[in-house]
Protein backbone atom coordinates (compact mmCIF):
# COMPACT_ATOMS: atom_id res chain seq x y z
CA UNK A 1 -25.88 -7.57 -19.08
CA UNK A 2 -25.61 -11.30 -19.77
CA UNK A 3 -26.35 -11.03 -23.56
CA UNK A 4 -23.60 -8.32 -23.97
CA UNK A 5 -21.15 -10.54 -21.97
CA UNK A 6 -22.04 -13.63 -24.06
CA UNK A 7 -21.38 -11.58 -27.19
CA UNK A 8 -18.01 -10.54 -25.71
CA UNK A 9 -17.01 -14.13 -25.01
CA UNK A 10 -18.04 -15.32 -28.60
CA UNK A 11 -15.92 -12.63 -30.05
CA UNK A 12 -13.08 -13.80 -28.00
CA UNK A 13 -13.40 -17.33 -29.11
CA UNK A 14 -13.40 -16.40 -32.85
CA UNK A 15 -10.45 -13.92 -32.78
CA UNK A 16 -8.07 -14.84 -29.84
CA UNK A 17 -5.73 -17.74 -29.09
CA UNK A 18 -7.35 -20.62 -27.14
CA UNK A 19 -5.50 -19.70 -23.84
CA UNK A 20 -5.48 -16.69 -21.86
CA UNK A 21 -7.21 -14.30 -19.46
CA UNK A 22 -9.90 -11.82 -20.27
CA UNK A 23 -11.48 -9.00 -18.29
CA UNK A 24 -15.01 -7.88 -18.75
CA UNK A 25 -16.11 -4.42 -17.25
CA UNK A 26 -19.73 -3.47 -16.78
CA UNK A 27 -21.16 -0.40 -15.02
CA UNK A 28 -23.19 -1.23 -11.89
CA UNK A 29 -25.10 0.82 -9.33
CA UNK A 30 -22.83 1.89 -6.31
CA UNK A 31 -22.74 -0.75 -3.49
CA UNK A 32 -22.18 -0.70 0.25
CA UNK A 33 -18.48 -0.86 0.18
CA UNK A 34 -18.28 -1.63 3.83
CA UNK A 35 -20.57 -4.49 3.67
CA UNK A 36 -18.39 -5.97 0.87
CA UNK A 37 -15.46 -5.74 3.19
CA UNK A 38 -17.39 -7.41 6.00
CA UNK A 39 -18.71 -10.24 4.03
CA UNK A 40 -15.35 -10.80 2.69
CA UNK A 41 -13.62 -10.84 6.05
CA UNK A 42 -16.30 -13.50 7.14
CA UNK A 43 -15.42 -15.72 4.09
CA UNK A 44 -12.22 -17.68 3.57
CA UNK A 45 -11.10 -15.82 0.42
CA UNK A 46 -8.01 -13.59 -0.25
CA UNK A 47 -8.81 -10.09 -0.97
CA UNK A 48 -7.31 -6.66 -1.51
CA UNK A 49 -8.79 -3.01 -1.14
CA UNK A 50 -7.48 0.36 -1.50
CA UNK A 51 -9.38 3.69 -1.31
CA UNK A 52 -8.60 7.44 -1.19
CA UNK A 53 -11.63 9.51 -0.32
CA UNK A 54 -10.52 12.97 -1.46
CA UNK A 55 -9.88 11.45 -4.89
CA UNK A 56 -13.21 9.61 -4.83
CA UNK A 57 -11.83 6.26 -5.84
CA UNK A 58 -11.93 3.02 -4.07
CA UNK A 59 -11.57 -0.67 -5.23
CA UNK A 60 -11.76 -4.22 -3.83
CA UNK A 61 -10.96 -7.40 -5.46
CA UNK A 62 -11.45 -10.91 -4.25
CA UNK A 63 -11.20 -14.72 -5.43
CA UNK A 64 -7.86 -15.21 -7.06
CA UNK A 65 -7.97 -16.72 -10.66
CA UNK A 66 -4.11 -16.35 -11.00
CA UNK A 67 -1.26 -15.59 -8.38
CA UNK A 68 2.22 -14.44 -9.29
CA UNK A 69 4.36 -14.87 -6.01
CA UNK A 70 8.19 -15.14 -5.74
CA UNK A 71 10.57 -14.74 -2.90
CA UNK A 72 14.33 -13.80 -2.68
CA UNK A 73 16.46 -10.99 -3.91
CA UNK A 74 15.27 -11.42 -7.52
CA UNK A 75 11.55 -11.15 -6.64
CA UNK A 76 10.73 -8.20 -8.70
CA UNK A 77 12.61 -9.54 -11.83
CA UNK A 78 10.91 -13.00 -11.71
CA UNK A 79 7.60 -11.59 -10.96
CA UNK A 80 7.88 -9.22 -13.99
CA UNK A 81 9.01 -12.04 -16.21
CA UNK A 82 5.96 -14.20 -15.38
CA UNK A 83 3.55 -11.12 -15.67
CA UNK A 84 4.95 -10.25 -19.09
CA UNK A 85 4.15 -13.80 -20.30
CA UNK A 86 0.46 -13.56 -19.02
CA UNK A 87 0.19 -10.21 -20.82
CA UNK A 88 0.48 -11.69 -24.32
CA UNK A 89 -2.93 -13.36 -24.58
CA UNK A 90 -4.85 -10.84 -22.42
CA UNK A 91 -8.16 -9.39 -23.84
CA UNK A 92 -10.70 -7.06 -22.41
CA UNK A 93 -13.69 -4.75 -23.31
CA UNK A 94 -11.97 -1.76 -21.55
CA UNK A 95 -11.90 0.38 -24.59
CA UNK A 96 -15.65 0.52 -24.41
CA UNK A 97 -15.12 2.98 -21.32
CA UNK A 98 -13.25 5.90 -22.80
CA UNK A 99 -10.75 7.50 -20.38
CA UNK A 100 -11.15 4.90 -17.53
CA UNK A 101 -8.11 3.24 -16.22
CA UNK A 102 -8.96 -0.16 -14.74
CA UNK A 103 -7.08 -2.14 -12.25
CA UNK A 104 -6.07 -5.77 -12.84
CA UNK A 105 -3.15 -7.05 -10.57
CA UNK A 106 -3.61 -6.38 -6.95
CA UNK A 107 -1.08 -7.03 -4.00
CA UNK A 108 2.41 -5.94 -2.78
CA UNK A 109 6.06 -6.29 -2.33
CA UNK A 110 7.89 -6.55 1.05
CA UNK A 111 10.31 -4.11 2.20
CA UNK A 112 13.10 -6.64 2.06
CA UNK A 113 13.17 -10.30 1.07
CA UNK A 114 12.16 -12.43 4.18
CA UNK A 115 12.10 -15.93 2.48
CA UNK A 116 9.12 -16.67 4.52
CA UNK A 117 11.12 -17.48 7.73
CA UNK A 118 9.21 -20.05 9.84
CA UNK A 119 9.40 -17.89 12.94
CA UNK A 120 8.32 -14.76 11.43
CA UNK A 121 4.76 -13.24 11.50
CA UNK A 122 4.69 -12.50 7.71
CA UNK A 123 4.76 -16.34 6.58
CA UNK A 124 1.21 -15.74 4.91
CA UNK A 125 2.82 -13.29 2.42
CA UNK A 126 5.55 -13.99 -0.13
CA UNK A 127 8.28 -11.54 -0.80
CA UNK A 128 6.31 -10.48 -3.87
CA UNK A 129 2.68 -11.27 -4.02
CA UNK A 130 0.29 -10.22 -6.80
CA UNK A 131 -2.97 -11.70 -8.07
CA UNK A 132 -5.81 -11.16 -10.55
CA UNK A 133 -9.09 -11.47 -8.77
CA UNK A 134 -12.08 -13.13 -10.27
CA UNK A 135 -14.05 -10.09 -9.27
CA UNK A 136 -13.23 -6.37 -8.68
CA UNK A 137 -15.63 -3.71 -7.58
CA UNK A 138 -14.13 -0.37 -8.59
CA UNK A 139 -15.56 3.10 -8.06
CA UNK A 140 -13.80 5.91 -9.95
CA UNK A 141 -15.24 9.45 -9.44
CA UNK A 142 -18.98 9.25 -10.00
CA UNK A 143 -19.15 5.81 -11.70
CA UNK A 144 -19.00 2.42 -10.26
CA UNK A 145 -17.92 -0.78 -12.20
CA UNK A 146 -17.78 -4.54 -11.73
CA UNK A 147 -14.93 -6.45 -13.59
CA UNK A 148 -15.12 -9.96 -14.08
CA UNK A 149 -11.81 -11.79 -14.89
CA UNK A 150 -11.64 -15.27 -16.24
CA UNK A 151 -9.75 -17.91 -18.47
CA UNK A 152 -11.44 -17.88 -21.87
CA UNK A 153 -10.20 -21.37 -22.77
CA UNK A 154 -13.12 -22.89 -20.79
CA UNK A 155 -16.28 -23.93 -22.34
CA UNK A 156 -18.83 -21.18 -22.98
CA UNK A 157 -21.37 -22.46 -20.82
CA UNK A 158 -18.92 -22.71 -17.89
CA UNK A 159 -17.68 -19.18 -18.45
CA UNK A 160 -21.32 -17.79 -18.44
CA UNK A 161 -22.12 -19.68 -15.39
CA UNK A 162 -18.94 -18.37 -13.64
CA UNK A 163 -20.23 -14.84 -14.67
CA UNK A 164 -23.59 -15.15 -13.29
CA UNK A 165 -22.17 -16.58 -9.92
CA UNK A 166 -19.68 -13.92 -9.58
CA UNK A 167 -22.43 -11.22 -10.33
CA UNK A 168 -24.66 -12.72 -7.81
CA UNK A 169 -22.16 -13.15 -5.17
CA UNK A 170 -21.11 -9.52 -5.35
CA UNK A 171 -24.87 -8.43 -4.87
CA UNK A 172 -25.20 -10.79 -2.06
CA UNK A 173 -22.01 -9.43 -0.24
CA UNK A 174 -23.00 -5.89 -0.90
CA UNK A 175 -26.46 -6.28 0.61
CA UNK A 176 -25.30 -8.61 3.63
CA UNK A 177 -24.64 -6.62 6.66
CA UNK A 178 -22.46 -8.99 8.82
CA UNK A 179 -21.06 -6.16 11.04
CA UNK A 180 -21.88 -6.92 14.67
CA UNK A 181 -22.16 -3.34 15.63
CA UNK A 182 -19.77 -3.74 18.58
CA UNK A 183 -17.07 -1.25 19.40
CA UNK A 184 -13.26 -2.13 18.61
CA UNK A 185 -11.90 -4.89 21.00
CA UNK A 186 -9.71 -3.93 23.77
CA UNK A 187 -5.98 -4.15 23.51
CA UNK A 188 -4.36 -6.14 26.31
CA UNK A 189 -0.98 -7.46 27.34
CA UNK A 190 0.88 -4.96 25.22
CA UNK A 191 4.59 -5.41 24.50
CA UNK A 192 7.29 -3.79 22.53
CA UNK A 193 9.55 -5.82 20.57
CA UNK A 194 11.71 -2.66 20.47
CA UNK A 195 11.64 -1.06 23.98
CA UNK A 196 13.03 2.35 24.63
CA UNK A 197 16.43 0.91 25.76
CA UNK A 198 16.83 -1.04 22.50
CA UNK A 199 15.72 1.83 20.53
CA UNK A 200 18.10 4.31 22.00
CA UNK A 201 20.84 1.86 21.51
CA UNK A 202 20.22 1.49 17.78
CA UNK A 203 19.89 5.22 17.21
CA UNK A 204 23.21 5.62 18.95
CA UNK A 205 24.78 2.90 16.65
CA UNK A 206 23.36 4.53 13.74
CA UNK A 207 24.54 7.91 14.78
CA UNK A 208 27.97 6.64 14.98
CA UNK A 209 27.89 5.31 11.37
CA UNK A 210 26.47 8.62 10.07
CA UNK A 211 29.18 10.48 12.11
CA UNK A 212 32.00 8.42 10.43
CA UNK A 213 30.37 9.52 7.02
CA UNK A 214 29.43 5.70 6.12
CA UNK A 215 25.80 6.75 5.74
CA UNK A 216 23.89 10.05 5.85
CA UNK A 217 20.58 8.92 6.90
CA UNK A 218 19.31 5.46 8.46
CA UNK A 219 15.54 4.72 8.86
CA UNK A 220 14.83 2.84 12.05
CA UNK A 221 11.45 1.29 12.81
CA UNK A 222 9.52 -0.20 15.72
CA UNK A 223 7.04 -2.82 16.15
CA UNK A 224 4.57 -3.03 18.98
CA UNK A 225 2.44 -6.03 19.70
CA UNK A 226 -0.96 -6.35 21.57
CA UNK A 227 -3.33 -9.42 22.19
CA UNK A 228 -6.91 -8.73 21.23
CA UNK A 229 -10.01 -9.74 23.12
CA UNK A 230 -11.67 -10.76 19.89
CA UNK A 231 -11.29 -10.44 16.15
CA UNK A 232 -11.91 -6.94 15.07
CA UNK A 233 -14.47 -5.97 12.45
CA UNK A 234 -12.24 -4.79 9.38
CA UNK A 235 -14.87 -2.87 7.86
CA UNK A 236 -15.17 -0.57 10.93
CA UNK A 237 -11.30 -0.18 11.14
CA UNK A 238 -11.06 0.64 7.29
CA UNK A 239 -14.25 3.08 7.58
CA UNK A 240 -12.56 4.87 10.59
CA UNK A 241 -9.22 5.23 8.75
CA UNK A 242 -10.81 6.59 5.56
CA UNK A 243 -12.88 9.03 7.54
CA UNK A 244 -9.99 10.22 9.70
CA UNK A 245 -7.56 10.48 6.88
CA UNK A 246 -9.29 11.08 3.64
CA UNK A 247 -6.13 12.31 1.82
CA UNK A 248 -4.27 9.08 2.52
CA UNK A 249 -4.64 5.85 0.89
CA UNK A 250 -6.31 3.35 3.01
CA UNK A 251 -5.74 -0.32 2.40
CA UNK A 252 -6.10 -4.02 3.40
CA UNK A 253 -4.59 -7.25 2.02
CA UNK A 254 -5.86 -10.49 3.35
CA UNK A 255 -3.89 -13.77 3.03
CA UNK A 256 -4.84 -16.78 4.74
CA UNK A 257 -5.11 -15.82 8.48
CA UNK A 258 -3.40 -12.47 8.01
CA UNK A 259 -4.80 -8.99 7.35
CA UNK A 260 -2.19 -6.19 6.68
CA UNK A 261 -4.04 -2.85 6.65
CA UNK A 262 -3.17 0.86 7.20
CA UNK A 263 -3.72 4.42 5.96
CA UNK A 264 -0.43 5.58 4.34
CA UNK A 265 0.09 9.26 3.55
CA UNK A 266 2.90 8.48 0.94
CA UNK A 267 2.36 7.42 -2.65
CA UNK A 268 5.41 5.87 -4.10
CA UNK A 269 4.32 6.27 -7.66
CA UNK A 270 1.37 6.38 -9.89
CA UNK A 271 1.42 5.86 -13.69
CA UNK A 272 -1.27 7.13 -15.99
CA UNK A 273 -1.35 8.24 -19.60
CA UNK A 274 2.42 8.41 -20.06
CA UNK A 275 3.07 10.42 -16.74
CA UNK A 276 4.48 9.12 -13.42
CA UNK A 277 3.84 10.89 -10.06
CA UNK A 278 5.39 10.36 -6.75
CA UNK A 279 5.47 11.96 -3.17
CA UNK A 280 8.59 12.82 -1.43
CA UNK A 281 7.65 12.82 2.24
CA UNK A 282 10.01 13.25 5.07
CA UNK A 283 10.42 15.34 8.27
CA UNK A 284 7.57 15.35 10.92
CA UNK A 285 6.09 17.42 13.64
CA UNK A 286 2.83 17.18 15.83
CA UNK A 287 -0.26 19.09 15.17
CA UNK A 288 -1.14 22.27 17.37
CA UNK A 289 -4.09 22.43 19.77
CA UNK A 290 -4.99 25.86 18.28
CA UNK A 291 -4.56 27.06 14.72
CA UNK A 292 -1.79 29.67 15.87
CA UNK A 293 0.12 26.70 17.60
CA UNK A 294 -0.44 24.53 14.43
CA UNK A 295 0.90 27.37 12.08
CA UNK A 296 3.92 27.89 14.53
CA UNK A 297 4.87 24.12 14.49
CA UNK A 298 4.56 24.00 10.59
CA UNK A 299 6.93 26.88 10.37
CA UNK A 300 9.31 25.19 12.92
CA UNK A 301 9.34 22.25 10.52
CA UNK A 302 9.87 24.51 7.49
CA UNK A 303 12.86 26.17 9.23
CA UNK A 304 14.47 22.93 10.51
CA UNK A 305 17.68 22.41 8.68
CA UNK A 306 17.75 18.82 9.74
CA UNK A 307 14.35 18.13 8.36
CA UNK A 308 14.87 20.31 5.19
CA UNK A 309 17.99 18.17 4.53
CA UNK A 310 16.17 14.94 5.13
CA UNK A 311 13.59 15.99 2.69
CA UNK A 312 15.89 17.15 0.05
CA UNK A 313 17.63 13.75 0.14
CA UNK A 314 14.30 12.06 -0.63
CA UNK A 315 13.50 14.58 -3.33
CA UNK A 316 17.09 14.11 -4.85
CA UNK A 317 16.82 10.33 -4.82
CA UNK A 318 13.43 10.15 -6.54
CA UNK A 319 14.47 12.63 -9.23
CA UNK A 320 17.76 10.83 -9.79
CA UNK A 321 15.88 7.58 -10.11
CA UNK A 322 13.48 9.08 -12.64
CA UNK A 323 16.18 10.11 -14.86
CA UNK A 324 16.61 6.83 -16.66
CA UNK A 325 13.22 6.57 -17.75
CA UNK A 326 11.42 9.92 -17.84
CA UNK A 327 11.94 13.49 -19.12
CA UNK A 328 10.54 16.87 -18.05
CA UNK A 329 10.78 16.25 -14.38
CA UNK A 330 8.70 18.78 -12.46
CA UNK A 331 8.82 19.60 -8.76
CA UNK A 332 9.06 22.70 -6.56
CA UNK A 333 12.46 23.57 -4.87
CA UNK A 334 10.84 24.23 -1.52
CA UNK A 335 8.69 21.63 0.15
CA UNK A 336 5.01 22.22 1.17
CA UNK A 337 3.27 21.17 4.48
CA UNK A 338 1.10 18.05 4.38
CA UNK A 339 -1.23 18.16 7.37
CA UNK A 340 -2.74 14.96 8.70
CA UNK A 341 -5.02 14.81 11.77
CA UNK A 342 -2.25 13.84 14.31
CA UNK A 343 1.01 14.87 12.34
CA UNK A 344 2.35 17.31 9.62
CA UNK A 345 4.98 16.46 7.10
CA UNK A 346 7.47 18.17 4.69
CA UNK A 347 5.99 17.21 1.14
CA UNK A 348 7.19 17.67 -2.36
CA UNK A 349 4.95 16.21 -5.24
CA UNK A 350 7.09 15.12 -8.24
CA UNK A 351 5.94 14.56 -11.76
CA UNK A 352 7.70 13.40 -14.83
CA UNK A 353 6.89 12.46 -18.41
CA UNK A 354 7.71 8.76 -19.20
CA UNK A 355 9.89 8.44 -22.14
CA UNK A 356 9.76 4.79 -23.20
CA UNK A 357 7.71 1.60 -22.72
CA UNK A 358 9.24 0.08 -19.68
CA UNK A 359 7.06 -2.15 -17.43
CA UNK A 360 5.95 -0.87 -14.12
CA UNK A 361 7.96 -3.50 -12.40
CA UNK A 362 11.13 -2.42 -13.96
CA UNK A 363 10.48 1.21 -12.70
CA UNK A 364 9.51 0.04 -9.26
CA UNK A 365 12.99 -1.62 -8.93
CA UNK A 366 14.51 1.87 -9.43
CA UNK A 367 12.56 3.83 -7.04
CA UNK A 368 12.20 1.45 -3.96
CA UNK A 369 13.20 1.64 -1.30
CA UNK A 370 13.48 5.52 -1.08
CA UNK A 371 15.42 7.38 1.56
CA UNK A 372 12.24 8.11 3.27
CA UNK A 373 11.91 4.56 4.46
CA UNK A 374 15.46 3.05 4.20
CA UNK A 375 18.33 5.78 4.08
CA UNK A 376 21.20 7.09 2.14
CA UNK A 377 23.07 5.38 0.69
CA UNK A 378 20.21 2.70 0.68
CA UNK A 379 22.57 -0.41 0.69
CA UNK A 380 24.57 0.80 3.74
CA UNK A 381 21.11 1.70 5.57
CA UNK A 382 19.66 -1.56 4.65
CA UNK A 383 22.53 -3.64 5.89
CA UNK A 384 22.37 -1.77 9.24
CA UNK A 385 18.45 -2.12 9.38
CA UNK A 386 18.45 -5.80 8.73
CA UNK A 387 21.09 -6.44 11.51
CA UNK A 388 19.89 -3.93 14.05
CA UNK A 389 16.16 -4.37 13.97
CA UNK A 390 14.93 -7.53 15.86
CA UNK A 391 11.65 -7.72 13.98
CA UNK A 392 11.04 -8.30 10.26
CA UNK A 393 9.24 -5.39 8.42
CA UNK A 394 7.51 -7.61 5.96
CA UNK A 395 5.00 -5.39 4.08
CA UNK A 396 5.47 -2.52 6.31
CA UNK A 397 7.52 0.11 4.35
CA UNK A 398 7.10 -2.07 1.45
CA UNK A 399 4.78 -1.60 -1.62
CA UNK A 400 1.07 -2.13 -1.96
CA UNK A 401 -1.14 -1.27 -4.91
CA UNK A 402 -2.49 -2.29 -8.29
CA UNK A 403 -1.46 -2.20 -11.99
CA UNK A 404 -2.58 -3.35 -15.42
CA UNK A 405 -0.97 -4.57 -18.58
CA UNK A 406 -1.02 -0.95 -20.14
CA UNK A 407 1.71 0.23 -17.77
CA UNK A 408 -0.92 2.01 -15.57
CA UNK A 409 -1.10 1.79 -11.79
CA UNK A 410 -0.94 3.16 -8.24
CA UNK A 411 1.60 2.10 -5.73
CA UNK A 412 1.79 3.14 -2.14
CA UNK A 413 4.51 2.97 0.53
CA UNK A 414 2.92 0.82 3.16
CA UNK A 415 3.22 3.17 6.25
CA UNK A 416 0.97 3.91 9.16
CA UNK A 417 0.02 0.09 9.20
CA UNK A 418 -0.54 -2.96 11.18
CA UNK A 419 -0.99 -6.66 10.76
CA UNK A 420 -3.84 -8.59 12.18
CA UNK A 421 -3.00 -12.34 12.82
CA UNK A 422 -4.59 -14.69 15.21
CA UNK A 423 -6.30 -12.21 17.42
CA UNK A 424 -3.03 -10.28 17.67
CA UNK A 425 -2.19 -6.85 16.43
CA UNK A 426 1.32 -5.85 15.23
CA UNK A 427 1.71 -2.10 14.56
CA UNK A 428 4.70 -0.37 12.90
CA UNK A 429 6.23 2.91 12.75
CA UNK A 430 9.72 4.40 11.78
CA UNK A 431 11.91 7.54 11.99
CA UNK A 432 14.60 8.82 9.84
CA UNK A 433 17.83 9.10 11.76
CA UNK A 434 20.37 11.87 10.61
CA UNK A 435 23.03 13.94 12.15
CA UNK A 436 21.51 15.68 15.18
CA UNK A 437 18.72 13.04 15.84
CA UNK A 438 17.77 12.71 19.41
CA UNK A 439 16.63 9.25 20.62
CA UNK A 440 13.91 10.58 22.84
CA UNK A 441 12.49 12.93 20.30
CA UNK A 442 12.58 10.27 17.55
CA UNK A 443 10.77 7.79 20.00
CA UNK A 444 8.06 10.56 20.51
CA UNK A 445 7.70 10.93 16.78
CA UNK A 446 7.23 7.12 16.42
CA UNK A 447 4.45 7.31 18.87
CA UNK A 448 2.67 9.83 16.80
CA UNK A 449 3.02 7.53 13.71
CA UNK A 450 1.63 4.48 15.78
CA UNK A 451 -1.45 6.60 16.67
CA UNK A 452 -3.42 6.07 13.45
CA UNK A 453 -3.48 2.21 13.98
CA UNK A 454 -3.67 2.00 17.85
CA UNK A 455 -6.32 4.78 18.19
CA UNK A 456 -8.58 2.36 16.43
CA UNK A 457 -8.77 0.23 19.52
CA UNK A 458 -10.74 1.07 22.58
CA UNK A 459 -8.11 1.49 25.26
CA UNK A 460 -5.18 2.77 23.16
CA UNK A 461 -3.55 5.95 24.50
CA UNK A 462 -5.28 9.09 23.49
CA UNK A 463 -3.51 12.49 22.85
């Protein structure tokens, strides 16, 4: 391996500009993913991971070599400008692996600019936070890869030493079992920053705006908080989420003392081989105890005009936002049912052909936030949300994912998620408020959506 890497470095030195970032991919034997997570949690480094079991892909990257972080309303545009400059001198050996799409930048974008308020729980994250890791472990279908990313203007001897150290660290992390084997810590002293009274008040206020035709839909969220008896083992949490929700994207993003994690059913957009795909997901109902009851509940959802209208608003928004940069937009007129262990949703997959070479960031700006997480029209809904909700959403309902310089990547709407910080758990859930919404019913729906996170802990409510 080292000889091939040295040859790669020497070729760069001969052909490329003296400054820039390179990525070297090599096939490796599969490794214990959860040992990697555990080792990284017990280190002090930043990391990002995402996996989707049914698609047989997972990745985890750690040790930043470059960060692109910006806050404020122009966070996406300023991030894009900096990233495009980095792309100019980028080189890799990725072409040696036919048909494989490799990740490079990992991270996320908050739902709304927070400007890192001093009293906010999200101070460890910027409004837009992306990084190129020194090392990425990447499993795609039946193959596994290790990516080493580095500055190629350093002396060759230093680069080789960095490569050997990174490879050795990877194998150490993969072999070390730091999991303590204990069960998840108890939750105690639970409190709701949005209790039912405040929730009901906000929904009634939203319904007044909707009845006055100033908005069609407003998505409101809750945040619940719990102290923990000890720091949870992230590898166990991630493993449980991946096993319980194999069709979802399970993720975690660690910055300083904070770990944002979850298992989201909603893909915002994936870009691959000239196509973009997205999920329109809206409308929810519980699962049945029996198969007959489950089917009956799904049919109730499919026949609910309120939920059908809510779903159509999301589909129309995504299709409309695609028009400026795609052609041949494809989706079914009638939604399907997306079944998760504790909830079922209306779901419409959408696919379109990219018609020009816009950067993924310019596309993200067009499609986020969707009506499923904000409302219609989004500017009126967003204004109401920022004034009505007593908490900051941060990365919840924002974007997490990865991309590379070939306009390829996968981005997830960060739902069914929680934030771990200083032995405290913050869990989030939201509901779309439209004409006919009932505060109590929406509160019960939010409880269903909190369950994936809260059920990971010992004394969380069951059922």
